[in-house]
Amino acid sequence: MTFQKHDSGKPPISYLGQFYPALGEVASLLRHGHEKYGKDDNWKHCPDLRRYRDALGRHYLQYTGGEKIDESGHHHLAAVVVNALFLLMLDKESDDA
């Protein structure tokens, strides 16, 4: 019997390995959000997506202005990524609807 794996054309998740330190920052911020808001999917219930775009922009401006860490102790760019993930997920879900 020869080995078979039908994964041609599927995303190579192993490519994320080089980003584990940065992904750890993102996961830490997501945990902070869970603790602050009491559930993992609170972000799905935002009635106005401008709030995520605004938060993304504010964190990016703070970072480009020379500040790396926000008042919660998390990296501003992790907050940019988290807000971008929220927007991306909500956009993908709206495409699927």
PDB file of N, CA and C in Angstrom:
ATOM      1  N   MET A   1       0.851  -1.187   0.000  1.00  0.00           N
ATOM      2  CA  MET A   1       0.000   0.000   0.000  1.00  0.00           C
ATOM      3  C   MET A   1       0.892   1.245   0.000  1.00  0.00           C
ATOM      4  N   THR A   2       0.587   2.195  -0.844  1.00  0.00           N
ATOM      5  CA  THR A   2       1.346   3.442  -0.898  1.00  0.00           C
ATOM      6  C   THR A   2       0.560   4.538  -0.193  1.00  0.00           C
ATOM      7  N   PHE A   3       1.302   5.466   0.339  1.00  0.00           N
ATOM      8  CA  PHE A   3       0.690   6.591   1.065  1.00  0.00           C
ATOM      9  C   PHE A   3      -0.042   7.507   0.100  1.00  0.00           C
ATOM     10  N   GLN A   4      -1.225   7.936   0.519  1.00  0.00           N
ATOM     11  CA  GLN A   4      -1.987   8.922  -0.242  1.00  0.00           C
ATOM     12  C   GLN A   4      -2.490   9.993   0.707  1.00  0.00           C
ATOM     13  N   LYS A   5      -2.456  11.196   0.239  1.00  0.00           N
ATOM     14  CA  LYS A   5      -3.004  12.328   0.998  1.00  0.00           C
ATOM     15  C   LYS A   5      -3.518  13.319  -0.020  1.00  0.00           C
ATOM     16  N   HIS A   6      -4.797  13.572  -0.023  1.00  0.00           N
ATOM     17  CA  HIS A   6      -5.420  14.462  -0.999  1.00  0.00           C
ATOM     18  C   HIS A   6      -5.432  15.899  -0.464  1.00  0.00           C
ATOM     19  N   ASP A   7      -4.256  16.516  -0.474  1.00  0.00           N
ATOM     20  CA  ASP A   7      -4.147  17.880   0.044  1.00  0.00           C
ATOM     21  C   ASP A   7      -3.661  18.878  -0.999  1.00  0.00           C
ATOM     22  N   SER A   8      -3.643  18.464  -2.237  1.00  0.00           N
ATOM     23  CA  SER A   8      -3.226  19.362  -3.309  1.00  0.00           C
ATOM     24  C   SER A   8      -4.174  20.563  -3.385  1.00  0.00           C
ATOM     25  N   GLY A   9      -3.609  21.747  -3.421  1.00  0.00           N
ATOM     26  CA  GLY A   9      -4.404  22.964  -3.527  1.00  0.00           C
ATOM     27  C   GLY A   9      -4.946  23.481  -2.210  1.00  0.00           C
ATOM     28  N   LYS A  10      -4.731  22.752  -1.114  1.00  0.00           N
ATOM     29  CA  LYS A  10      -5.195  23.211   0.195  1.00  0.00           C
ATOM     30  C   LYS A  10      -4.144  24.125   0.813  1.00  0.00           C
ATOM     31  N   PRO A  11      -4.558  25.047   1.670  1.00  0.00           N
ATOM     32  CA  PRO A  11      -3.583  25.996   2.238  1.00  0.00           C
ATOM     33  C   PRO A  11      -2.568  25.288   3.140  1.00  0.00           C
ATOM     34  N   PRO A  12      -1.284  25.562   2.939  1.00  0.00           N
ATOM     35  CA  PRO A  12      -0.240  24.945   3.758  1.00  0.00           C
ATOM     36  C   PRO A  12      -0.115  25.662   5.107  1.00  0.00           C
ATOM     37  N   ILE A  13      -0.815  25.162   6.088  1.00  0.00           N
ATOM     38  CA  ILE A  13      -0.828  25.791   7.413  1.00  0.00           C
ATOM     39  C   ILE A  13       0.572  25.850   8.015  1.00  0.00           C
ATOM     40  N   SER A  14       1.440  24.932   7.609  1.00  0.00           N
ATOM     41  CA  SER A  14       2.808  24.930   8.130  1.00  0.00           C
ATOM     42  C   SER A  14       3.539  26.235   7.822  1.00  0.00           C
ATOM     43  N   TYR A  15       3.088  26.974   6.826  1.00  0.00           N
ATOM     44  CA  TYR A  15       3.708  28.262   6.529  1.00  0.00           C
ATOM     45  C   TYR A  15       3.557  29.248   7.694  1.00  0.00           C
ATOM     46  N   LEU A  16       2.567  29.016   8.540  1.00  0.00           N
ATOM     47  CA  LEU A  16       2.367  29.914   9.675  1.00  0.00           C
ATOM     48  C   LEU A  16       3.438  29.751  10.743  1.00  0.00           C
ATOM     49  N   GLY A  17       4.189  28.659  10.694  1.00  0.00           N
ATOM     50  CA  GLY A  17       5.197  28.383  11.717  1.00  0.00           C
ATOM     51  C   GLY A  17       6.178  29.514  11.937  1.00  0.00           C
ATOM     52  N   GLN A  18       6.568  30.172  10.870  1.00  0.00           N
ATOM     53  CA  GLN A  18       7.526  31.264  11.008  1.00  0.00           C
ATOM     54  C   GLN A  18       6.947  32.463  11.747  1.00  0.00           C
ATOM     55  N   PHE A  19       5.619  32.471  11.903  1.00  0.00           N
ATOM     56  CA  PHE A  19       4.960  33.601  12.558  1.00  0.00           C
ATOM     57  C   PHE A  19       4.481  33.271  13.972  1.00  0.00           C
ATOM     58  N   TYR A  20       4.880  32.138  14.532  1.00  0.00           N
ATOM     59  CA  TYR A  20       4.389  31.743  15.856  1.00  0.00           C
ATOM     60  C   TYR A  20       4.593  32.800  16.936  1.00  0.00           C
ATOM     61  N   PRO A  21       5.748  33.473  17.004  1.00  0.00           N
ATOM     62  CA  PRO A  21       5.873  34.512  18.042  1.00  0.00           C
ATOM     63  C   PRO A  21       4.831  35.624  17.889  1.00  0.00           C
ATOM     64  N   ALA A  22       4.591  36.068  16.662  1.00  0.00           N
ATOM     65  CA  ALA A  22       3.593  37.115  16.436  1.00  0.00           C
ATOM     66  C   ALA A  22       2.187  36.579  16.683  1.00  0.00           C
ATOM     67  N   LEU A  23       1.940  35.330  16.272  1.00  0.00           N
ATOM     68  CA  LEU A  23       0.625  34.727  16.512  1.00  0.00           C
ATOM     69  C   LEU A  23       0.370  34.555  17.998  1.00  0.00           C
ATOM     70  N   GLY A  24       1.424  34.341  18.778  1.00  0.00           N
ATOM     71  CA  GLY A  24       1.281  34.277  20.228  1.00  0.00           C
ATOM     72  C   GLY A  24       0.785  35.601  20.793  1.00  0.00           C
ATOM     73  N   GLU A  25       1.283  36.702  20.242  1.00  0.00           N
ATOM     74  CA  GLU A  25       0.807  38.036  20.653  1.00  0.00           C
ATOM     75  C   GLU A  25      -0.670  38.201  20.323  1.00  0.00           C
ATOM     76  N   VAL A  26      -1.055  37.740  19.149  1.00  0.00           N
ATOM     77  CA  VAL A  26      -2.452  37.835  18.721  1.00  0.00           C
ATOM     78  C   VAL A  26      -3.334  36.983  19.640  1.00  0.00           C
ATOM     79  N   ALA A  27      -2.891  35.756  19.921  1.00  0.00           N
ATOM     80  CA  ALA A  27      -3.666  34.872  20.795  1.00  0.00           C
ATOM     81  C   ALA A  27      -3.792  35.454  22.200  1.00  0.00           C
ATOM     82  N   SER A  28      -2.733  36.083  22.684  1.00  0.00           N
ATOM     83  CA  SER A  28      -2.780  36.710  24.005  1.00  0.00           C
ATOM     84  C   SER A  28      -3.816  37.831  24.040  1.00  0.00           C
ATOM     85  N   LEU A  29      -3.866  38.607  22.976  1.00  0.00           N
ATOM     86  CA  LEU A  29      -4.847  39.694  22.908  1.00  0.00           C
ATOM     87  C   LEU A  29      -6.274  39.136  22.804  1.00  0.00           C
ATOM     88  N   LEU A  30      -6.444  38.059  22.053  1.00  0.00           N
ATOM     89  CA  LEU A  30      -7.767  37.427  21.970  1.00  0.00           C
ATOM     90  C   LEU A  30      -8.199  36.890  23.340  1.00  0.00           C
ATOM     91  N   ARG A  31      -7.253  36.321  24.092  1.00  0.00           N
ATOM     92  CA  ARG A  31      -7.569  35.856  25.449  1.00  0.00           C
ATOM     93  C   ARG A  31      -7.979  37.041  26.326  1.00  0.00           C
ATOM     94  N   HIS A  32      -7.273  38.146  26.193  1.00  0.00           N
ATOM     95  CA  HIS A  32      -7.616  39.360  26.946  1.00  0.00           C
ATOM     96  C   HIS A  32      -9.050  39.794  26.628  1.00  0.00           C
ATOM     97  N   GLY A  33      -9.403  39.760  25.345  1.00  0.00           N
ATOM     98  CA  GLY A  33     -10.771  40.113  24.953  1.00  0.00           C
ATOM     99  C   GLY A  33     -11.797  39.157  25.542  1.00  0.00           C
ATOM    100  N   HIS A  34     -11.458  37.879  25.567  1.00  0.00           N
ATOM    101  CA  HIS A  34     -12.370  36.899  26.162  1.00  0.00           C
ATOM    102  C   HIS A  34     -12.585  37.206  27.644  1.00  0.00           C
ATOM    103  N   GLU A  35     -11.505  37.500  28.350  1.00  0.00           N
ATOM    104  CA  GLU A  35     -11.605  37.807  29.782  1.00  0.00           C
ATOM    105  C   GLU A  35     -12.352  39.115  30.018  1.00  0.00           C
ATOM    106  N   LYS A  36     -12.128  40.090  29.170  1.00  0.00           N
ATOM    107  CA  LYS A  36     -12.754  41.405  29.328  1.00  0.00           C
ATOM    108  C   LYS A  36     -14.248  41.368  29.017  1.00  0.00           C
ATOM    109  N   TYR A  37     -14.630  40.628  27.956  1.00  0.00           N
ATOM    110  CA  TYR A  37     -16.016  40.643  27.495  1.00  0.00           C
ATOM    111  C   TYR A  37     -16.791  39.378  27.826  1.00  0.00           C
ATOM    112  N   GLY A  38     -16.113  38.358  28.373  1.00  0.00           N
ATOM    113  CA  GLY A  38     -16.800  37.192  28.897  1.00  0.00           C
ATOM    114  C   GLY A  38     -17.131  36.087  27.919  1.00  0.00           C
ATOM    115  N   LYS A  39     -16.755  36.238  26.672  1.00  0.00           N
ATOM    116  CA  LYS A  39     -16.971  35.144  25.728  1.00  0.00           C
ATOM    117  C   LYS A  39     -16.076  35.303  24.514  1.00  0.00           C
ATOM    118  N   ASP A  40     -15.863  34.189  23.816  1.00  0.00           N
ATOM    119  CA  ASP A  40     -14.949  34.187  22.675  1.00  0.00           C
ATOM    120  C   ASP A  40     -15.522  34.872  21.448  1.00  0.00           C
ATOM    121  N   ASP A  41     -16.833  34.864  21.299  1.00  0.00           N
ATOM    122  CA  ASP A  41     -17.408  35.354  20.047  1.00  0.00           C
ATOM    123  C   ASP A  41     -18.123  36.698  20.182  1.00  0.00           C
ATOM    124  N   ASN A  42     -17.787  37.452  21.207  1.00  0.00           N
ATOM    125  CA  ASN A  42     -18.393  38.773  21.384  1.00  0.00           C
ATOM    126  C   ASN A  42     -18.217  39.630  20.131  1.00  0.00           C
ATOM    127  N   TRP A  43     -17.084  39.509  19.477  1.00  0.00           N
ATOM    128  CA  TRP A  43     -16.767  40.320  18.300  1.00  0.00           C
ATOM    129  C   TRP A  43     -17.759  40.113  17.159  1.00  0.00           C
ATOM    130  N   LYS A  44     -18.405  38.958  17.116  1.00  0.00           N
ATOM    131  CA  LYS A  44     -19.351  38.668  16.031  1.00  0.00           C
ATOM    132  C   LYS A  44     -20.626  39.495  16.126  1.00  0.00           C
ATOM    133  N   HIS A  45     -20.872  40.098  17.264  1.00  0.00           N
ATOM    134  CA  HIS A  45     -22.147  40.763  17.517  1.00  0.00           C
ATOM    135  C   HIS A  45     -22.073  42.281  17.435  1.00  0.00           C
ATOM    136  N   CYS A  46     -20.991  42.811  16.902  1.00  0.00           N
ATOM    137  CA  CYS A  46     -20.839  44.262  16.762  1.00  0.00           C
ATOM    138  C   CYS A  46     -21.790  44.760  15.671  1.00  0.00           C
ATOM    139  N   PRO A  47     -22.667  45.705  16.007  1.00  0.00           N
ATOM    140  CA  PRO A  47     -23.635  46.173  15.019  1.00  0.00           C
ATOM    141  C   PRO A  47     -23.056  47.155  13.993  1.00  0.00           C
ATOM    142  N   ASP A  48     -21.863  47.675  14.238  1.00  0.00           N
ATOM    143  CA  ASP A  48     -21.296  48.696  13.351  1.00  0.00           C
ATOM    144  C   ASP A  48     -19.826  48.378  13.106  1.00  0.00           C
ATOM    145  N   LEU A  49     -19.499  47.857  11.927  1.00  0.00           N
ATOM    146  CA  LEU A  49     -18.137  47.430  11.626  1.00  0.00           C
ATOM    147  C   LEU A  49     -17.139  48.575  11.560  1.00  0.00           C
ATOM    148  N   ARG A  50     -17.646  49.803  11.498  1.00  0.00           N
ATOM    149  CA  ARG A  50     -16.724  50.954  11.554  1.00  0.00           C
ATOM    150  C   ARG A  50     -15.925  50.943  12.847  1.00  0.00           C
ATOM    151  N   ARG A  51     -16.496  50.379  13.895  1.00  0.00           N
ATOM    152  CA  ARG A  51     -15.778  50.332  15.176  1.00  0.00           C
ATOM    153  C   ARG A  51     -14.487  49.535  15.038  1.00  0.00           C
ATOM    154  N   TYR A  52     -14.519  48.425  14.283  1.00  0.00           N
ATOM    155  CA  TYR A  52     -13.305  47.638  14.068  1.00  0.00           C
ATOM    156  C   TYR A  52     -12.334  48.358  13.147  1.00  0.00           C
ATOM    157  N   ARG A  53     -12.848  49.012  12.120  1.00  0.00           N
ATOM    158  CA  ARG A  53     -11.969  49.783  11.222  1.00  0.00           C
ATOM    159  C   ARG A  53     -11.318  50.936  11.991  1.00  0.00           C
ATOM    160  N   ASP A  54     -12.105  51.603  12.829  1.00  0.00           N
ATOM    161  CA  ASP A  54     -11.564  52.707  13.624  1.00  0.00           C
ATOM    162  C   ASP A  54     -10.510  52.214  14.610  1.00  0.00           C
ATOM    163  N   ALA A  55     -10.785  51.108  15.288  1.00  0.00           N
ATOM    164  CA  ALA A  55      -9.822  50.556  16.256  1.00  0.00           C
ATOM    165  C   ALA A  55      -8.537  50.142  15.551  1.00  0.00           C
ATOM    166  N   LEU A  56      -8.678  49.503  14.388  1.00  0.00           N
ATOM    167  CA  LEU A  56      -7.512  49.120  13.607  1.00  0.00           C
ATOM    168  C   LEU A  56      -6.681  50.365  13.282  1.00  0.00           C
ATOM    169  N   GLY A  57      -7.334  51.406  12.806  1.00  0.00           N
ATOM    170  CA  GLY A  57      -6.637  52.639  12.452  1.00  0.00           C
ATOM    171  C   GLY A  57      -5.976  53.310  13.639  1.00  0.00           C
ATOM    172  N   ARG A  58      -6.680  53.353  14.769  1.00  0.00           N
ATOM    173  CA  ARG A  58      -6.094  53.980  15.968  1.00  0.00           C
ATOM    174  C   ARG A  58      -4.835  53.254  16.406  1.00  0.00           C
ATOM    175  N   HIS A  59      -4.901  51.916  16.447  1.00  0.00           N
ATOM    176  CA  HIS A  59      -3.719  51.150  16.867  1.00  0.00           C
ATOM    177  C   HIS A  59      -2.574  51.314  15.875  1.00  0.00           C
ATOM    178  N   TYR A  60      -2.894  51.352  14.586  1.00  0.00           N
ATOM    179  CA  TYR A  60      -1.845  51.538  13.583  1.00  0.00           C
ATOM    180  C   TYR A  60      -1.193  52.917  13.732  1.00  0.00           C
ATOM    181  N   LEU A  61      -2.011  53.936  13.961  1.00  0.00           N
ATOM    182  CA  LEU A  61      -1.460  55.282  14.141  1.00  0.00           C
ATOM    183  C   LEU A  61      -0.600  55.374  15.398  1.00  0.00           C
ATOM    184  N   GLN A  62      -1.029  54.720  16.471  1.00  0.00           N
ATOM    185  CA  GLN A  62      -0.214  54.718  17.694  1.00  0.00           C
ATOM    186  C   GLN A  62       1.140  54.065  17.417  1.00  0.00           C
ATOM    187  N   TYR A  63       1.102  52.947  16.693  1.00  0.00           N
ATOM    188  CA  TYR A  63       2.349  52.250  16.369  1.00  0.00           C
ATOM    189  C   TYR A  63       3.256  53.104  15.487  1.00  0.00           C
ATOM    190  N   THR A  64       2.695  53.671  14.423  1.00  0.00           N
ATOM    191  CA  THR A  64       3.521  54.483  13.522  1.00  0.00           C
ATOM    192  C   THR A  64       3.994  55.758  14.197  1.00  0.00           C
ATOM    193  N   GLY A  65       3.303  56.155  15.264  1.00  0.00           N
ATOM    194  CA  GLY A  65       3.735  57.310  16.043  1.00  0.00           C
ATOM    195  C   GLY A  65       4.809  56.973  17.062  1.00  0.00           C
ATOM    196  N   GLY A  66       5.228  55.717  17.114  1.00  0.00           N
ATOM    197  CA  GLY A  66       6.339  55.342  17.986  1.00  0.00           C
ATOM    198  C   GLY A  66       5.965  54.550  19.225  1.00  0.00           C
ATOM    199  N   GLU A  67       4.685  54.337  19.454  1.00  0.00           N
ATOM    200  CA  GLU A  67       4.255  53.579  20.637  1.00  0.00           C
ATOM    201  C   GLU A  67       4.012  52.128  20.233  1.00  0.00           C
ATOM    202  N   LYS A  68       4.707  51.207  20.875  1.00  0.00           N
ATOM    203  CA  LYS A  68       4.539  49.793  20.529  1.00  0.00           C
ATOM    204  C   LYS A  68       3.466  49.103  21.368  1.00  0.00           C
ATOM    205  N   ILE A  69       3.377  49.443  22.625  1.00  0.00           N
ATOM    206  CA  ILE A  69       2.513  48.718  23.558  1.00  0.00           C
ATOM    207  C   ILE A  69       1.358  49.616  23.986  1.00  0.00           C
ATOM    208  N   ASP A  70       0.139  49.056  23.978  1.00  0.00           N
ATOM    209  CA  ASP A  70      -1.029  49.852  24.368  1.00  0.00           C
ATOM    210  C   ASP A  70      -1.252  49.792  25.875  1.00  0.00           C
ATOM    211  N   GLU A  71      -2.301  50.456  26.336  1.00  0.00           N
ATOM    212  CA  GLU A  71      -2.562  50.563  27.773  1.00  0.00           C
ATOM    213  C   GLU A  71      -2.885  49.216  28.421  1.00  0.00           C
ATOM    214  N   SER A  72      -3.275  48.219  27.629  1.00  0.00           N
ATOM    215  CA  SER A  72      -3.564  46.891  28.187  1.00  0.00           C
ATOM    216  C   SER A  72      -2.316  46.020  28.240  1.00  0.00           C
ATOM    217  N   GLY A  73      -1.191  46.528  27.720  1.00  0.00           N
ATOM    218  CA  GLY A  73       0.056  45.774  27.728  1.00  0.00           C
ATOM    219  C   GLY A  73       0.276  44.926  26.486  1.00  0.00           C
ATOM    220  N   HIS A  74      -0.568  45.105  25.481  1.00  0.00           N
ATOM    221  CA  HIS A  74      -0.450  44.334  24.245  1.00  0.00           C
ATOM    222  C   HIS A  74       0.131  45.197  23.125  1.00  0.00           C
ATOM    223  N   HIS A  75       0.771  44.539  22.197  1.00  0.00           N
ATOM    224  CA  HIS A  75       1.403  45.223  21.067  1.00  0.00           C
ATOM    225  C   HIS A  75       0.317  45.830  20.177  1.00  0.00           C
ATOM    226  N   HIS A  76       0.524  47.070  19.769  1.00  0.00           N
ATOM    227  CA  HIS A  76      -0.444  47.736  18.895  1.00  0.00           C
ATOM    228  C   HIS A  76      -0.661  46.968  17.591  1.00  0.00           C
ATOM    229  N   LEU A  77       0.397  46.380  17.047  1.00  0.00           N
ATOM    230  CA  LEU A  77       0.224  45.653  15.792  1.00  0.00           C
ATOM    231  C   LEU A  77      -0.580  44.370  15.990  1.00  0.00           C
ATOM    232  N   ALA A  78      -0.536  43.769  17.185  1.00  0.00           N
ATOM    233  CA  ALA A  78      -1.407  42.622  17.459  1.00  0.00           C
ATOM    234  C   ALA A  78      -2.865  43.068  17.413  1.00  0.00           C
ATOM    235  N   ALA A  79      -3.137  44.268  17.915  1.00  0.00           N
ATOM    236  CA  ALA A  79      -4.501  44.798  17.866  1.00  0.00           C
ATOM    237  C   ALA A  79      -4.914  45.097  16.425  1.00  0.00           C
ATOM    238  N   VAL A  80      -3.980  45.550  15.601  1.00  0.00           N
ATOM    239  CA  VAL A  80      -4.271  45.755  14.182  1.00  0.00           C
ATOM    240  C   VAL A  80      -4.669  44.421  13.550  1.00  0.00           C
ATOM    241  N   VAL A  81      -3.894  43.383  13.837  1.00  0.00           N
ATOM    242  CA  VAL A  81      -4.172  42.058  13.272  1.00  0.00           C
ATOM    243  C   VAL A  81      -5.512  41.527  13.762  1.00  0.00           C
ATOM    244  N   VAL A  82      -5.791  41.653  15.051  1.00  0.00           N
ATOM    245  CA  VAL A  82      -7.057  41.154  15.601  1.00  0.00           C
ATOM    246  C   VAL A  82      -8.241  41.862  14.945  1.00  0.00           C
ATOM    247  N   ASN A  83      -8.167  43.161  14.834  1.00  0.00           N
ATOM    248  CA  ASN A  83      -9.273  43.889  14.201  1.00  0.00           C
ATOM    249  C   ASN A  83      -9.406  43.532  12.730  1.00  0.00           C
ATOM    250  N   ALA A  84      -8.283  43.328  12.056  1.00  0.00           N
ATOM    251  CA  ALA A  84      -8.332  42.898  10.659  1.00  0.00           C
ATOM    252  C   ALA A  84      -8.934  41.496  10.552  1.00  0.00           C
ATOM    253  N   LEU A  85      -8.604  40.609  11.484  1.00  0.00           N
ATOM    254  CA  LEU A  85      -9.204  39.271  11.490  1.00  0.00           C
ATOM    255  C   LEU A  85     -10.708  39.334  11.700  1.00  0.00           C
ATOM    256  N   PHE A  86     -11.144  40.179  12.620  1.00  0.00           N
ATOM    257  CA  PHE A  86     -12.586  40.333  12.834  1.00  0.00           C
ATOM    258  C   PHE A  86     -13.269  40.771  11.545  1.00  0.00           C
ATOM    259  N   LEU A  87     -12.706  41.780  10.899  1.00  0.00           N
ATOM    260  CA  LEU A  87     -13.295  42.290   9.661  1.00  0.00           C
ATOM    261  C   LEU A  87     -13.267  41.235   8.558  1.00  0.00           C
ATOM    262  N   LEU A  88     -12.167  40.514   8.450  1.00  0.00           N
ATOM    263  CA  LEU A  88     -12.045  39.477   7.432  1.00  0.00           C
ATOM    264  C   LEU A  88     -13.058  38.355   7.676  1.00  0.00           C
ATOM    265  N   MET A  89     -13.166  37.909   8.917  1.00  0.00           N
ATOM    266  CA  MET A  89     -14.108  36.830   9.236  1.00  0.00           C
ATOM    267  C   MET A  89     -15.539  37.270   8.969  1.00  0.00           C
ATOM    268  N   LEU A  90     -15.896  38.466   9.370  1.00  0.00           N
ATOM    269  CA  LEU A  90     -17.259  38.942   9.153  1.00  0.00           C
ATOM    270  C   LEU A  90     -17.533  39.116   7.661  1.00  0.00           C
ATOM    271  N   ASP A  91     -16.541  39.560   6.918  1.00  0.00           N
ATOM    272  CA  ASP A  91     -16.712  39.697   5.478  1.00  0.00           C
ATOM    273  C   ASP A  91     -16.877  38.319   4.829  1.00  0.00           C
ATOM    274  N   LYS A  92     -16.051  37.351   5.239  1.00  0.00           N
ATOM    275  CA  LYS A  92     -16.165  35.999   4.691  1.00  0.00           C
ATOM    276  C   LYS A  92     -17.527  35.386   5.033  1.00  0.00           C
ATOM    277  N   GLU A  93     -17.990  35.606   6.259  1.00  0.00           N
ATOM    278  CA  GLU A  93     -19.291  35.068   6.654  1.00  0.00           C
ATOM    279  C   GLU A  93     -20.417  35.707   5.866  1.00  0.00           C
ATOM    280  N   SER A  94     -20.290  37.007   5.554  1.00  0.00           N
ATOM    281  CA  SER A  94     -21.345  37.651   4.766  1.00  0.00           C
ATOM    282  C   SER A  94     -21.343  37.133   3.326  1.00  0.00           C
ATOM    283  N   ASP A  95     -20.160  36.741   2.825  1.00  0.00           N
ATOM    284  CA  ASP A  95     -20.082  36.143   1.486  1.00  0.00           C
ATOM    285  C   ASP A  95     -20.749  34.772   1.456  1.00  0.00           C
ATOM    286  N   ASP A  96     -20.668  34.053   2.567  1.00  0.00           N
ATOM    287  CA  ASP A  96     -21.232  32.707   2.644  1.00  0.00           C
ATOM    288  C   ASP A  96     -22.733  32.714   2.848  1.00  0.00           C
ATOM    289  N   ALA A  97     -23.263  33.851   3.296  1.00  0.00           N
ATOM    290  CA  ALA A  97     -24.701  33.915   3.605  1.00  0.00           C
ATOM    291  C   ALA A  97     -25.549  34.012   2.345  1.00  0.00           C
TER     292      ALA A  97
END
